[in-house]
Amino acid sequence: MAHLFTRNLTFQSSDLGKEASIMLTFDGAMEGLYEDFFPIVWKVSKFGKTGPYRAHATYTSQLAFSKPQLENGNIIDAETCVKINDSEKTTLTEADDVFQFSAPQAGTTGVLQAVNSTGAVQDIAIGFMNKGDLMPTPALYFSGVGDGSHVSAKFTPVLRAYITSDYQETAILRGAIDTPAIWSRNLAELSPSTTWSLTREPASGKYTLVQV
């Protein structure tokens, strides 16, 4: 089992000049993205035109598979979950309308796997478990996993930030975002706590996030 790490991120602005929303999601370049699985909006934080603003986000590297509950294209909760580590696999079963993941066992090197053995098509999500949370924060969503099929994830915590107000937290992103990311970082490579200042260039309207 790899050493677990936690990353505390702070985003701040001061007299930004225009109201803006930062949207955070794990949508880095991954094979099968928007085909086999879909990223989920993690955080949306609003920053005002004038005055100081601050938002926080915490990520812990303990991953978990979950059986998500959906409503209007958003993941609103999870029925059950299981913590999972690199190179492990788990099996989802169902009895009397109760879903359960098996205890993880050794699986394929370098990936995390969940096998659907419920007898029906299911949705599965992978996310991360922060300290004290009963259910994980979803990061990637796998839809329509057939009975007897499995999902394989090689999750690298590359977090991206976008300036957009078109999405809400826990929304499933069915396609690529139509505005470029203003910031991208592998959280594993950051210090435990970092602060990032959001600024806007008045002439061009370009936003940047710079560590302070």
N, C-alpha and C. Protein backbone atom coordinates (compact mmCIF):
# COMPACT_ATOMS: atom_id res chain seq x y z
N MET A 1 0.84 -1.19 0.00
CA MET A 1 0.00 0.00 0.00
C MET A 1 0.88 1.25 0.00
N ALA A 2 0.55 2.18 -0.92
CA ALA A 2 1.33 3.41 -1.02
C ALA A 2 1.04 4.31 0.18
N HIS A 3 2.00 5.15 0.47
CA HIS A 3 1.82 6.10 1.57
C HIS A 3 0.72 7.10 1.23
N LEU A 4 -0.24 7.25 2.12
CA LEU A 4 -1.33 8.19 1.89
C LEU A 4 -0.85 9.62 2.12
N PHE A 5 -1.41 10.54 1.32
CA PHE A 5 -1.07 11.94 1.51
C PHE A 5 -2.34 12.78 1.41
N THR A 6 -2.28 13.94 2.04
CA THR A 6 -3.39 14.90 2.01
C THR A 6 -2.88 16.22 1.44
N ARG A 7 -3.69 16.83 0.60
CA ARG A 7 -3.33 18.13 0.02
C ARG A 7 -4.43 19.14 0.36
N ASN A 8 -4.04 20.20 1.04
CA ASN A 8 -4.95 21.29 1.36
C ASN A 8 -4.66 22.45 0.41
N LEU A 9 -5.65 22.80 -0.38
CA LEU A 9 -5.50 23.85 -1.38
C LEU A 9 -6.35 25.05 -0.99
N THR A 10 -5.76 26.23 -1.07
CA THR A 10 -6.48 27.47 -0.84
C THR A 10 -6.41 28.32 -2.10
N PHE A 11 -7.56 28.80 -2.54
CA PHE A 11 -7.64 29.70 -3.69
C PHE A 11 -8.17 31.05 -3.19
N GLN A 12 -7.51 32.12 -3.59
CA GLN A 12 -7.91 33.43 -3.08
C GLN A 12 -7.81 34.49 -4.17
N SER A 13 -8.55 35.58 -3.94
CA SER A 13 -8.47 36.72 -4.85
C SER A 13 -8.69 37.99 -4.05
N SER A 14 -8.27 39.11 -4.64
CA SER A 14 -8.48 40.42 -4.02
C SER A 14 -8.73 41.43 -5.12
N ASP A 15 -9.90 42.04 -5.09
CA ASP A 15 -10.27 43.02 -6.12
C ASP A 15 -10.02 42.47 -7.52
N LEU A 16 -10.69 41.37 -7.81
CA LEU A 16 -10.48 40.65 -9.07
C LEU A 16 -10.85 41.50 -10.29
N GLY A 17 -11.80 42.39 -10.13
CA GLY A 17 -12.20 43.25 -11.25
C GLY A 17 -13.42 42.76 -11.99
N LYS A 18 -13.76 41.48 -11.83
CA LYS A 18 -14.94 40.89 -12.46
C LYS A 18 -15.29 39.62 -11.70
N GLU A 19 -16.57 39.40 -11.48
CA GLU A 19 -16.99 38.19 -10.78
C GLU A 19 -16.63 36.96 -11.61
N ALA A 20 -16.12 35.94 -10.95
CA ALA A 20 -15.70 34.73 -11.66
C ALA A 20 -15.92 33.50 -10.78
N SER A 21 -16.06 32.35 -11.43
CA SER A 21 -16.21 31.07 -10.73
C SER A 21 -15.10 30.13 -11.15
N ILE A 22 -14.42 29.53 -10.16
CA ILE A 22 -13.41 28.51 -10.44
C ILE A 22 -14.07 27.14 -10.30
N MET A 23 -13.94 26.33 -11.33
CA MET A 23 -14.44 24.96 -11.30
C MET A 23 -13.26 23.99 -11.31
N LEU A 24 -13.24 23.05 -10.35
CA LEU A 24 -12.17 22.07 -10.23
C LEU A 24 -12.67 20.69 -10.63
N THR A 25 -11.88 19.98 -11.43
CA THR A 25 -12.24 18.62 -11.82
C THR A 25 -10.99 17.85 -12.21
N PHE A 26 -11.07 16.53 -12.13
CA PHE A 26 -9.96 15.65 -12.51
C PHE A 26 -10.22 15.15 -13.93
N ASP A 27 -9.89 15.97 -14.92
CA ASP A 27 -10.17 15.61 -16.31
C ASP A 27 -8.89 15.62 -17.16
N GLY A 28 -7.79 15.22 -16.55
CA GLY A 28 -6.54 15.13 -17.29
C GLY A 28 -6.61 14.10 -18.40
N ALA A 29 -5.63 14.10 -19.28
CA ALA A 29 -5.61 13.19 -20.42
C ALA A 29 -5.55 11.74 -19.95
N MET A 30 -6.66 11.01 -20.13
CA MET A 30 -6.74 9.60 -19.74
C MET A 30 -7.41 8.83 -20.87
N GLU A 31 -6.88 7.67 -21.18
CA GLU A 31 -7.44 6.85 -22.25
C GLU A 31 -8.87 6.43 -21.89
N GLY A 32 -9.80 6.69 -22.79
CA GLY A 32 -11.19 6.32 -22.57
C GLY A 32 -12.04 7.43 -21.99
N LEU A 33 -11.44 8.59 -21.70
CA LEU A 33 -12.18 9.70 -21.12
C LEU A 33 -13.28 10.15 -22.08
N TYR A 34 -14.48 10.38 -21.55
CA TYR A 34 -15.69 10.76 -22.27
C TYR A 34 -16.22 9.65 -23.16
N GLU A 35 -15.65 8.46 -23.07
CA GLU A 35 -16.17 7.30 -23.79
C GLU A 35 -16.52 6.19 -22.79
N ASP A 36 -15.52 5.75 -22.04
CA ASP A 36 -15.74 4.69 -21.05
C ASP A 36 -16.07 5.25 -19.67
N PHE A 37 -15.62 6.45 -19.41
CA PHE A 37 -15.88 7.06 -18.11
C PHE A 37 -15.87 8.58 -18.25
N PHE A 38 -16.38 9.25 -17.20
CA PHE A 38 -16.59 10.69 -17.28
C PHE A 38 -16.13 11.37 -15.99
N PRO A 39 -15.48 12.52 -16.10
CA PRO A 39 -15.08 13.25 -14.89
C PRO A 39 -16.28 13.88 -14.21
N ILE A 40 -16.12 14.17 -12.94
CA ILE A 40 -17.17 14.76 -12.12
C ILE A 40 -16.66 16.08 -11.56
N VAL A 41 -17.52 17.08 -11.55
CA VAL A 41 -17.14 18.38 -11.00
C VAL A 41 -16.92 18.24 -9.49
N TRP A 42 -15.74 18.61 -9.03
CA TRP A 42 -15.42 18.50 -7.60
C TRP A 42 -15.87 19.74 -6.84
N LYS A 43 -15.36 20.90 -7.26
CA LYS A 43 -15.64 22.13 -6.53
C LYS A 43 -15.99 23.25 -7.51
N VAL A 44 -16.92 24.10 -7.08
CA VAL A 44 -17.20 25.35 -7.78
C VAL A 44 -17.18 26.46 -6.74
N SER A 45 -16.31 27.44 -6.92
CA SER A 45 -16.16 28.52 -5.94
C SER A 45 -16.27 29.86 -6.66
N LYS A 46 -17.09 30.75 -6.10
CA LYS A 46 -17.30 32.07 -6.70
C LYS A 46 -16.40 33.11 -6.04
N PHE A 47 -15.86 33.99 -6.88
CA PHE A 47 -15.00 35.07 -6.42
C PHE A 47 -15.58 36.38 -6.93
N GLY A 48 -15.77 37.34 -6.01
CA GLY A 48 -16.42 38.59 -6.35
C GLY A 48 -15.54 39.58 -7.09
N LYS A 49 -16.18 40.62 -7.60
CA LYS A 49 -15.50 41.65 -8.37
C LYS A 49 -14.56 42.49 -7.52
N THR A 50 -15.01 42.84 -6.32
CA THR A 50 -14.19 43.66 -5.43
C THR A 50 -14.08 43.00 -4.07
N GLY A 51 -12.98 43.32 -3.36
CA GLY A 51 -12.78 42.77 -2.03
C GLY A 51 -12.09 41.42 -2.05
N PRO A 52 -11.78 40.89 -0.86
CA PRO A 52 -11.08 39.61 -0.76
C PRO A 52 -12.05 38.41 -0.77
N TYR A 53 -11.60 37.32 -1.39
CA TYR A 53 -12.37 36.07 -1.41
C TYR A 53 -11.41 34.90 -1.23
N ARG A 54 -11.93 33.83 -0.63
CA ARG A 54 -11.08 32.66 -0.38
C ARG A 54 -11.93 31.39 -0.42
N ALA A 55 -11.36 30.32 -0.96
CA ALA A 55 -12.03 29.02 -1.00
C ALA A 55 -11.01 27.93 -0.71
N HIS A 56 -11.48 26.84 -0.10
CA HIS A 56 -10.59 25.74 0.29
C HIS A 56 -11.05 24.43 -0.35
N ALA A 57 -10.08 23.55 -0.58
CA ALA A 57 -10.36 22.20 -1.07
C ALA A 57 -9.33 21.24 -0.49
N THR A 58 -9.79 20.08 -0.04
CA THR A 58 -8.89 19.08 0.56
C THR A 58 -9.02 17.76 -0.17
N TYR A 59 -7.87 17.22 -0.56
CA TYR A 59 -7.80 15.92 -1.26
C TYR A 59 -6.94 14.96 -0.44
N THR A 60 -7.44 13.75 -0.26
CA THR A 60 -6.66 12.68 0.37
C THR A 60 -6.53 11.53 -0.61
N SER A 61 -5.36 10.93 -0.69
CA SER A 61 -5.07 9.97 -1.75
C SER A 61 -5.68 8.58 -1.54
N GLN A 62 -6.45 8.40 -0.46
CA GLN A 62 -7.15 7.13 -0.27
C GLN A 62 -8.32 7.04 -1.25
N LEU A 63 -8.21 6.14 -2.23
CA LEU A 63 -9.25 6.00 -3.24
C LEU A 63 -10.32 5.01 -2.79
N ALA A 64 -11.49 5.08 -3.44
CA ALA A 64 -12.60 4.19 -3.10
C ALA A 64 -13.53 4.06 -4.29
N PHE A 65 -14.04 2.84 -4.50
CA PHE A 65 -15.12 2.62 -5.45
C PHE A 65 -16.44 2.81 -4.72
N SER A 66 -17.45 3.30 -5.45
CA SER A 66 -18.77 3.48 -4.85
C SER A 66 -19.86 3.14 -5.85
N LYS A 67 -21.05 2.84 -5.31
CA LYS A 67 -22.26 2.64 -6.11
C LYS A 67 -23.03 3.95 -6.04
N PRO A 68 -22.92 4.80 -7.08
CA PRO A 68 -23.46 6.15 -6.97
C PRO A 68 -24.97 6.21 -7.13
N GLN A 69 -25.55 7.23 -6.53
CA GLN A 69 -26.96 7.57 -6.72
C GLN A 69 -27.02 8.85 -7.54
N LEU A 70 -27.79 8.83 -8.63
CA LEU A 70 -27.84 9.95 -9.56
C LEU A 70 -29.19 10.64 -9.54
N GLU A 71 -29.15 11.94 -9.82
CA GLU A 71 -30.38 12.72 -9.96
C GLU A 71 -30.08 13.88 -10.90
N ASN A 72 -30.77 13.91 -12.03
CA ASN A 72 -30.63 14.98 -13.02
C ASN A 72 -29.17 15.18 -13.45
N GLY A 73 -28.48 14.08 -13.69
CA GLY A 73 -27.11 14.17 -14.18
C GLY A 73 -26.07 14.51 -13.14
N ASN A 74 -26.48 14.49 -11.87
CA ASN A 74 -25.55 14.75 -10.77
C ASN A 74 -25.48 13.54 -9.86
N ILE A 75 -24.30 13.31 -9.29
CA ILE A 75 -24.16 12.27 -8.27
C ILE A 75 -24.52 12.90 -6.93
N ILE A 76 -25.63 12.47 -6.35
CA ILE A 76 -26.10 13.11 -5.11
C ILE A 76 -25.64 12.36 -3.87
N ASP A 77 -25.26 11.09 -4.02
CA ASP A 77 -24.83 10.31 -2.86
C ASP A 77 -24.29 8.98 -3.37
N ALA A 78 -23.95 8.09 -2.43
CA ALA A 78 -23.52 6.74 -2.78
C ALA A 78 -24.23 5.76 -1.85
N GLU A 79 -24.63 4.62 -2.42
CA GLU A 79 -25.30 3.61 -1.60
C GLU A 79 -24.31 2.86 -0.72
N THR A 80 -23.15 2.58 -1.27
CA THR A 80 -22.12 1.88 -0.52
C THR A 80 -20.78 2.13 -1.19
N CYS A 81 -19.69 1.78 -0.52
CA CYS A 81 -18.37 2.02 -1.08
C CYS A 81 -17.38 1.06 -0.45
N VAL A 82 -16.18 1.02 -1.03
CA VAL A 82 -15.07 0.25 -0.46
C VAL A 82 -13.77 0.97 -0.77
N LYS A 83 -12.91 1.09 0.20
CA LYS A 83 -11.59 1.67 -0.04
C LYS A 83 -10.78 0.72 -0.91
N ILE A 84 -10.01 1.29 -1.82
CA ILE A 84 -9.25 0.48 -2.77
C ILE A 84 -7.87 1.10 -2.95
N ASN A 85 -6.87 0.26 -3.15
CA ASN A 85 -5.51 0.74 -3.38
C ASN A 85 -5.01 0.24 -4.73
N ASP A 86 -3.92 0.80 -5.16
CA ASP A 86 -3.33 0.43 -6.44
C ASP A 86 -3.09 -1.08 -6.50
N SER A 87 -3.41 -1.68 -7.66
CA SER A 87 -3.20 -3.10 -7.93
C SER A 87 -4.15 -4.00 -7.15
N GLU A 88 -5.31 -3.47 -6.72
CA GLU A 88 -6.32 -4.28 -6.05
C GLU A 88 -7.61 -4.31 -6.86
N LYS A 89 -8.45 -5.31 -6.56
CA LYS A 89 -9.75 -5.41 -7.21
C LYS A 89 -10.81 -5.77 -6.19
N THR A 90 -12.05 -5.38 -6.50
CA THR A 90 -13.19 -5.67 -5.65
C THR A 90 -14.35 -6.09 -6.54
N THR A 91 -15.33 -6.76 -5.97
CA THR A 91 -16.49 -7.24 -6.72
C THR A 91 -17.76 -6.67 -6.12
N LEU A 92 -18.62 -6.11 -6.98
CA LEU A 92 -19.91 -5.57 -6.54
C LEU A 92 -20.98 -6.64 -6.72
N THR A 93 -21.70 -6.93 -5.65
CA THR A 93 -22.80 -7.89 -5.69
C THR A 93 -24.06 -7.22 -5.16
N GLU A 94 -25.21 -7.91 -5.38
CA GLU A 94 -26.49 -7.39 -4.91
C GLU A 94 -27.36 -8.55 -4.44
N ALA A 95 -27.98 -8.38 -3.29
CA ALA A 95 -28.91 -9.36 -2.73
C ALA A 95 -30.01 -8.63 -1.99
N ASP A 96 -31.25 -8.91 -2.35
CA ASP A 96 -32.41 -8.26 -1.70
C ASP A 96 -32.30 -6.74 -1.75
N ASP A 97 -31.90 -6.24 -2.92
CA ASP A 97 -31.80 -4.80 -3.16
C ASP A 97 -30.72 -4.11 -2.33
N VAL A 98 -29.79 -4.89 -1.81
CA VAL A 98 -28.67 -4.33 -1.06
C VAL A 98 -27.38 -4.60 -1.82
N PHE A 99 -26.66 -3.52 -2.15
CA PHE A 99 -25.40 -3.66 -2.88
C PHE A 99 -24.24 -3.73 -1.91
N GLN A 100 -23.20 -4.48 -2.31
CA GLN A 100 -22.03 -4.61 -1.45
C GLN A 100 -20.80 -4.87 -2.29
N PHE A 101 -19.71 -4.19 -1.93
CA PHE A 101 -18.40 -4.46 -2.53
C PHE A 101 -17.65 -5.45 -1.65
N SER A 102 -16.95 -6.37 -2.29
CA SER A 102 -16.15 -7.34 -1.53
C SER A 102 -14.88 -6.69 -1.02
N ALA A 103 -14.27 -7.31 -0.02
CA ALA A 103 -12.98 -6.84 0.47
C ALA A 103 -11.97 -6.90 -0.66
N PRO A 104 -11.17 -5.86 -0.86
CA PRO A 104 -10.21 -5.85 -1.97
C PRO A 104 -9.20 -6.98 -1.89
N GLN A 105 -8.86 -7.50 -3.06
CA GLN A 105 -7.83 -8.55 -3.19
C GLN A 105 -6.81 -8.11 -4.22
N ALA A 106 -5.71 -8.83 -4.28
CA ALA A 106 -4.67 -8.53 -5.26
C ALA A 106 -5.26 -8.63 -6.67
N GLY A 107 -4.95 -7.63 -7.49
CA GLY A 107 -5.47 -7.59 -8.85
C GLY A 107 -4.37 -7.35 -9.86
N THR A 108 -4.69 -6.58 -10.88
CA THR A 108 -3.75 -6.28 -11.95
C THR A 108 -2.81 -5.15 -11.52
N THR A 109 -1.53 -5.35 -11.73
CA THR A 109 -0.54 -4.36 -11.31
C THR A 109 -0.78 -3.01 -11.99
N GLY A 110 -0.81 -1.96 -11.19
CA GLY A 110 -0.88 -0.62 -11.73
C GLY A 110 -2.28 -0.05 -11.91
N VAL A 111 -3.32 -0.85 -11.70
CA VAL A 111 -4.68 -0.36 -11.87
C VAL A 111 -5.56 -0.77 -10.70
N LEU A 112 -6.70 -0.11 -10.58
CA LEU A 112 -7.72 -0.48 -9.60
C LEU A 112 -8.90 -1.03 -10.38
N GLN A 113 -9.49 -2.13 -9.93
CA GLN A 113 -10.55 -2.78 -10.67
C GLN A 113 -11.77 -3.03 -9.79
N ALA A 114 -12.96 -2.89 -10.41
CA ALA A 114 -14.22 -3.25 -9.78
C ALA A 114 -14.99 -4.12 -10.75
N VAL A 115 -15.40 -5.31 -10.31
CA VAL A 115 -16.12 -6.26 -11.15
C VAL A 115 -17.61 -6.19 -10.80
N ASN A 116 -18.45 -6.12 -11.82
CA ASN A 116 -19.90 -6.11 -11.60
C ASN A 116 -20.43 -7.54 -11.65
N SER A 117 -20.85 -8.04 -10.51
CA SER A 117 -21.44 -9.39 -10.44
C SER A 117 -22.83 -9.32 -9.81
N THR A 118 -23.60 -8.30 -10.21
CA THR A 118 -24.92 -8.10 -9.63
C THR A 118 -26.04 -8.76 -10.43
N GLY A 119 -25.73 -9.18 -11.67
CA GLY A 119 -26.76 -9.75 -12.52
C GLY A 119 -27.47 -8.72 -13.38
N ALA A 120 -27.05 -7.46 -13.30
CA ALA A 120 -27.66 -6.39 -14.08
C ALA A 120 -26.63 -5.30 -14.36
N VAL A 121 -26.96 -4.42 -15.29
CA VAL A 121 -26.09 -3.29 -15.61
C VAL A 121 -26.07 -2.32 -14.44
N GLN A 122 -24.88 -1.80 -14.11
CA GLN A 122 -24.74 -0.90 -12.96
C GLN A 122 -23.85 0.29 -13.30
N ASP A 123 -24.00 1.34 -12.51
CA ASP A 123 -23.10 2.48 -12.56
C ASP A 123 -22.12 2.37 -11.40
N ILE A 124 -20.87 2.74 -11.64
CA ILE A 124 -19.83 2.68 -10.62
C ILE A 124 -19.02 3.96 -10.69
N ALA A 125 -18.60 4.44 -9.54
CA ALA A 125 -17.76 5.65 -9.49
C ALA A 125 -16.50 5.35 -8.69
N ILE A 126 -15.45 6.10 -8.99
CA ILE A 126 -14.25 6.04 -8.17
C ILE A 126 -13.98 7.46 -7.67
N GLY A 127 -13.59 7.55 -6.41
CA GLY A 127 -13.32 8.84 -5.82
C GLY A 127 -12.32 8.72 -4.70
N PHE A 128 -12.30 9.71 -3.82
CA PHE A 128 -11.31 9.71 -2.74
C PHE A 128 -12.00 9.95 -1.41
N MET A 129 -11.39 9.40 -0.35
CA MET A 129 -11.95 9.45 1.00
C MET A 129 -11.17 10.44 1.85
N ASN A 130 -11.79 11.54 2.19
CA ASN A 130 -11.17 12.45 3.15
C ASN A 130 -11.46 11.98 4.57
N LYS A 131 -10.61 12.35 5.50
CA LYS A 131 -10.74 11.92 6.89
C LYS A 131 -12.10 12.31 7.45
N GLY A 132 -12.78 11.34 8.04
CA GLY A 132 -14.07 11.59 8.65
C GLY A 132 -15.26 11.40 7.73
N ASP A 133 -15.01 11.25 6.42
CA ASP A 133 -16.11 11.07 5.47
C ASP A 133 -16.60 9.63 5.48
N LEU A 134 -17.92 9.45 5.44
CA LEU A 134 -18.49 8.11 5.36
C LEU A 134 -18.44 7.57 3.94
N MET A 135 -18.66 8.44 2.98
CA MET A 135 -18.65 8.07 1.57
C MET A 135 -17.62 8.92 0.83
N PRO A 136 -17.08 8.41 -0.27
CA PRO A 136 -16.04 9.16 -0.99
C PRO A 136 -16.58 10.33 -1.78
N THR A 137 -15.71 11.28 -2.07
CA THR A 137 -16.00 12.34 -3.03
C THR A 137 -15.77 11.77 -4.42
N PRO A 138 -16.78 11.72 -5.28
CA PRO A 138 -16.61 11.07 -6.59
C PRO A 138 -15.72 11.89 -7.51
N ALA A 139 -14.89 11.20 -8.29
CA ALA A 139 -14.00 11.88 -9.24
C ALA A 139 -14.24 11.43 -10.68
N LEU A 140 -14.48 10.13 -10.87
CA LEU A 140 -14.74 9.58 -12.20
C LEU A 140 -15.96 8.68 -12.14
N TYR A 141 -16.78 8.70 -13.21
CA TYR A 141 -18.04 7.96 -13.26
C TYR A 141 -18.04 6.99 -14.44
N PHE A 142 -18.32 5.73 -14.15
CA PHE A 142 -18.42 4.69 -15.18
C PHE A 142 -19.90 4.32 -15.31
N SER A 143 -20.48 4.53 -16.49
CA SER A 143 -21.91 4.26 -16.67
C SER A 143 -22.12 2.96 -17.45
N GLY A 144 -23.22 2.29 -17.14
CA GLY A 144 -23.64 1.12 -17.90
C GLY A 144 -22.64 -0.03 -17.90
N VAL A 145 -22.10 -0.35 -16.74
CA VAL A 145 -21.15 -1.46 -16.63
C VAL A 145 -21.94 -2.76 -16.64
N GLY A 146 -21.71 -3.58 -17.65
CA GLY A 146 -22.48 -4.80 -17.81
C GLY A 146 -22.18 -5.84 -16.74
N ASP A 147 -23.13 -6.73 -16.53
CA ASP A 147 -22.92 -7.83 -15.58
C ASP A 147 -21.78 -8.71 -16.08
N GLY A 148 -20.86 -9.01 -15.20
CA GLY A 148 -19.69 -9.80 -15.56
C GLY A 148 -18.55 -8.96 -16.11
N SER A 149 -18.81 -7.67 -16.34
CA SER A 149 -17.77 -6.77 -16.83
C SER A 149 -17.07 -6.10 -15.65
N HIS A 150 -15.98 -5.43 -15.94
CA HIS A 150 -15.26 -4.74 -14.88
C HIS A 150 -14.80 -3.37 -15.37
N VAL A 151 -14.55 -2.49 -14.43
CA VAL A 151 -13.96 -1.20 -14.75
C VAL A 151 -12.53 -1.21 -14.21
N SER A 152 -11.64 -0.64 -14.98
CA SER A 152 -10.25 -0.52 -14.57
C SER A 152 -9.87 0.95 -14.58
N ALA A 153 -9.28 1.40 -13.51
CA ALA A 153 -8.90 2.80 -13.40
C ALA A 153 -7.43 2.91 -13.02
N LYS A 154 -6.75 3.79 -13.70
CA LYS A 154 -5.38 4.15 -13.33
C LYS A 154 -5.43 5.63 -12.99
N PHE A 155 -5.75 5.92 -11.74
CA PHE A 155 -6.07 7.28 -11.35
C PHE A 155 -4.84 8.04 -10.91
N THR A 156 -4.54 9.10 -11.65
CA THR A 156 -3.49 10.04 -11.27
C THR A 156 -4.16 11.35 -10.91
N PRO A 157 -3.91 11.89 -9.72
CA PRO A 157 -4.67 13.06 -9.27
C PRO A 157 -4.22 14.36 -9.92
N VAL A 158 -4.43 14.46 -11.25
CA VAL A 158 -4.14 15.69 -11.96
C VAL A 158 -5.40 16.55 -11.92
N LEU A 159 -5.33 17.62 -11.15
CA LEU A 159 -6.47 18.51 -10.95
C LEU A 159 -6.35 19.70 -11.88
N ARG A 160 -7.48 20.07 -12.49
CA ARG A 160 -7.50 21.22 -13.38
C ARG A 160 -8.52 22.24 -12.91
N ALA A 161 -8.22 23.50 -13.15
CA ALA A 161 -9.11 24.59 -12.79
C ALA A 161 -9.56 25.32 -14.05
N TYR A 162 -10.84 25.63 -14.09
CA TYR A 162 -11.44 26.35 -15.21
C TYR A 162 -12.20 27.56 -14.67
N ILE A 163 -12.25 28.62 -15.47
CA ILE A 163 -13.12 29.75 -15.15
C ILE A 163 -14.42 29.54 -15.94
N THR A 164 -15.45 29.10 -15.25
CA THR A 164 -16.74 28.84 -15.88
C THR A 164 -17.82 28.77 -14.81
N SER A 165 -19.00 29.26 -15.17
CA SER A 165 -20.15 29.18 -14.27
C SER A 165 -21.22 28.24 -14.83
N ASP A 166 -20.83 27.41 -15.79
CA ASP A 166 -21.79 26.55 -16.49
C ASP A 166 -22.04 25.23 -15.79
N TYR A 167 -21.33 24.96 -14.70
CA TYR A 167 -21.44 23.65 -14.06
C TYR A 167 -21.66 23.79 -12.56
N GLN A 168 -22.23 22.78 -11.96
CA GLN A 168 -22.40 22.76 -10.52
C GLN A 168 -21.67 21.55 -9.94
N GLU A 169 -21.40 21.60 -8.65
CA GLU A 169 -20.67 20.52 -8.00
C GLU A 169 -21.40 19.20 -8.12
N THR A 170 -20.65 18.12 -8.30
CA THR A 170 -21.08 16.73 -8.46
C THR A 170 -21.71 16.45 -9.83
N ALA A 171 -21.69 17.43 -10.75
CA ALA A 171 -22.22 17.19 -12.09
C ALA A 171 -21.29 16.27 -12.87
N ILE A 172 -21.86 15.38 -13.66
CA ILE A 172 -21.09 14.49 -14.52
C ILE A 172 -20.81 15.21 -15.84
N LEU A 173 -19.54 15.32 -16.20
CA LEU A 173 -19.15 16.02 -17.43
C LEU A 173 -19.20 15.03 -18.59
N ARG A 174 -20.15 15.21 -19.48
CA ARG A 174 -20.34 14.27 -20.59
C ARG A 174 -19.45 14.58 -21.78
N GLY A 175 -18.82 15.74 -21.78
CA GLY A 175 -17.93 16.11 -22.87
C GLY A 175 -16.90 17.11 -22.38
N ALA A 176 -15.90 17.35 -23.21
CA ALA A 176 -14.82 18.26 -22.83
C ALA A 176 -15.35 19.66 -22.60
N ILE A 177 -14.77 20.37 -21.65
CA ILE A 177 -15.16 21.74 -21.34
C ILE A 177 -14.69 22.65 -22.46
N ASP A 178 -15.58 23.59 -22.87
CA ASP A 178 -15.30 24.39 -24.07
C ASP A 178 -14.44 25.62 -23.80
N THR A 179 -13.85 25.69 -22.63
CA THR A 179 -12.90 26.76 -22.33
C THR A 179 -11.62 26.13 -21.81
N PRO A 180 -10.45 26.67 -22.15
CA PRO A 180 -9.21 26.03 -21.70
C PRO A 180 -9.00 26.14 -20.20
N ALA A 181 -8.34 25.16 -19.64
CA ALA A 181 -8.00 25.20 -18.22
C ALA A 181 -6.98 26.31 -17.97
N ILE A 182 -7.13 26.98 -16.83
CA ILE A 182 -6.16 28.04 -16.49
C ILE A 182 -5.06 27.51 -15.58
N TRP A 183 -5.20 26.26 -15.12
CA TRP A 183 -4.27 25.72 -14.12
C TRP A 183 -4.39 24.21 -14.12
N SER A 184 -3.28 23.51 -14.00
CA SER A 184 -3.27 22.05 -13.95
C SER A 184 -2.08 21.60 -13.11
N ARG A 185 -2.36 20.76 -12.11
CA ARG A 185 -1.30 20.28 -11.23
C ARG A 185 -1.56 18.83 -10.83
N ASN A 186 -0.47 18.05 -10.74
CA ASN A 186 -0.54 16.72 -10.14
C ASN A 186 -0.45 16.91 -8.63
N LEU A 187 -1.51 16.60 -7.92
CA LEU A 187 -1.55 16.88 -6.49
C LEU A 187 -0.47 16.12 -5.72
N ALA A 188 -0.04 14.99 -6.25
CA ALA A 188 1.00 14.21 -5.59
C ALA A 188 2.31 14.97 -5.53
N GLU A 189 2.49 15.93 -6.42
CA GLU A 189 3.75 16.66 -6.51
C GLU A 189 3.73 17.98 -5.73
N LEU A 190 2.59 18.31 -5.11
CA LEU A 190 2.49 19.55 -4.37
C LEU A 190 2.86 19.36 -2.90
N SER A 191 3.12 20.46 -2.23
CA SER A 191 3.33 20.43 -0.78
C SER A 191 1.99 20.14 -0.10
N PRO A 192 2.04 19.72 1.17
CA PRO A 192 0.78 19.40 1.87
C PRO A 192 -0.23 20.54 1.87
N SER A 193 0.24 21.78 1.96
CA SER A 193 -0.66 22.93 1.94
C SER A 193 -0.10 23.99 0.98
N THR A 194 -0.95 24.45 0.06
CA THR A 194 -0.53 25.48 -0.88
C THR A 194 -1.64 26.51 -1.02
N THR A 195 -1.24 27.74 -1.37
CA THR A 195 -2.18 28.82 -1.59
C THR A 195 -1.95 29.39 -2.99
N TRP A 196 -3.06 29.61 -3.71
CA TRP A 196 -3.00 30.05 -5.10
C TRP A 196 -3.83 31.32 -5.25
N SER A 197 -3.23 32.33 -5.85
CA SER A 197 -3.88 33.62 -6.02
C SER A 197 -4.46 33.74 -7.42
N LEU A 198 -5.75 34.05 -7.49
CA LEU A 198 -6.43 34.24 -8.77
C LEU A 198 -6.37 35.71 -9.17
N THR A 199 -5.85 35.98 -10.36
CA THR A 199 -5.78 37.35 -10.87
C THR A 199 -6.37 37.40 -12.27
N ARG A 200 -6.70 38.62 -12.69
CA ARG A 200 -7.27 38.83 -14.03
C ARG A 200 -6.60 40.02 -14.68
N GLU A 201 -6.14 39.82 -15.89
CA GLU A 201 -5.53 40.90 -16.67
C GLU A 201 -6.65 41.72 -17.32
N PRO A 202 -6.84 42.97 -16.92
CA PRO A 202 -7.98 43.74 -17.42
C PRO A 202 -8.02 43.87 -18.94
N ALA A 203 -6.86 44.06 -19.57
CA ALA A 203 -6.83 44.30 -21.01
C ALA A 203 -7.28 43.08 -21.81
N SER A 204 -6.77 41.93 -21.42
CA SER A 204 -7.07 40.71 -22.18
C SER A 204 -8.19 39.88 -21.57
N GLY A 205 -8.47 40.11 -20.29
CA GLY A 205 -9.47 39.30 -19.60
C GLY A 205 -8.95 37.94 -19.21
N LYS A 206 -7.65 37.72 -19.32
CA LYS A 206 -7.06 36.42 -19.02
C LYS A 206 -6.90 36.23 -17.51
N TYR A 207 -7.28 35.02 -17.04
CA TYR A 207 -7.15 34.67 -15.63
C TYR A 207 -5.92 33.80 -15.42
N THR A 208 -5.28 33.97 -14.29
CA THR A 208 -4.14 33.11 -13.93
C THR A 208 -4.23 32.74 -12.44
N LEU A 209 -3.68 31.59 -12.10
CA LEU A 209 -3.54 31.14 -10.73
C LEU A 209 -2.05 30.99 -10.45
N VAL A 210 -1.56 31.74 -9.47
CA VAL A 210 -0.14 31.74 -9.15
C VAL A 210 0.03 31.40 -7.68
N GLN A 211 0.98 30.51 -7.39
CA GLN A 211 1.21 30.14 -6.01
C GLN A 211 1.82 31.30 -5.24
N VAL A 212 1.37 31.49 -4.00
CA VAL A 212 1.89 32.58 -3.17
C VAL A 212 2.48 32.01 -1.90
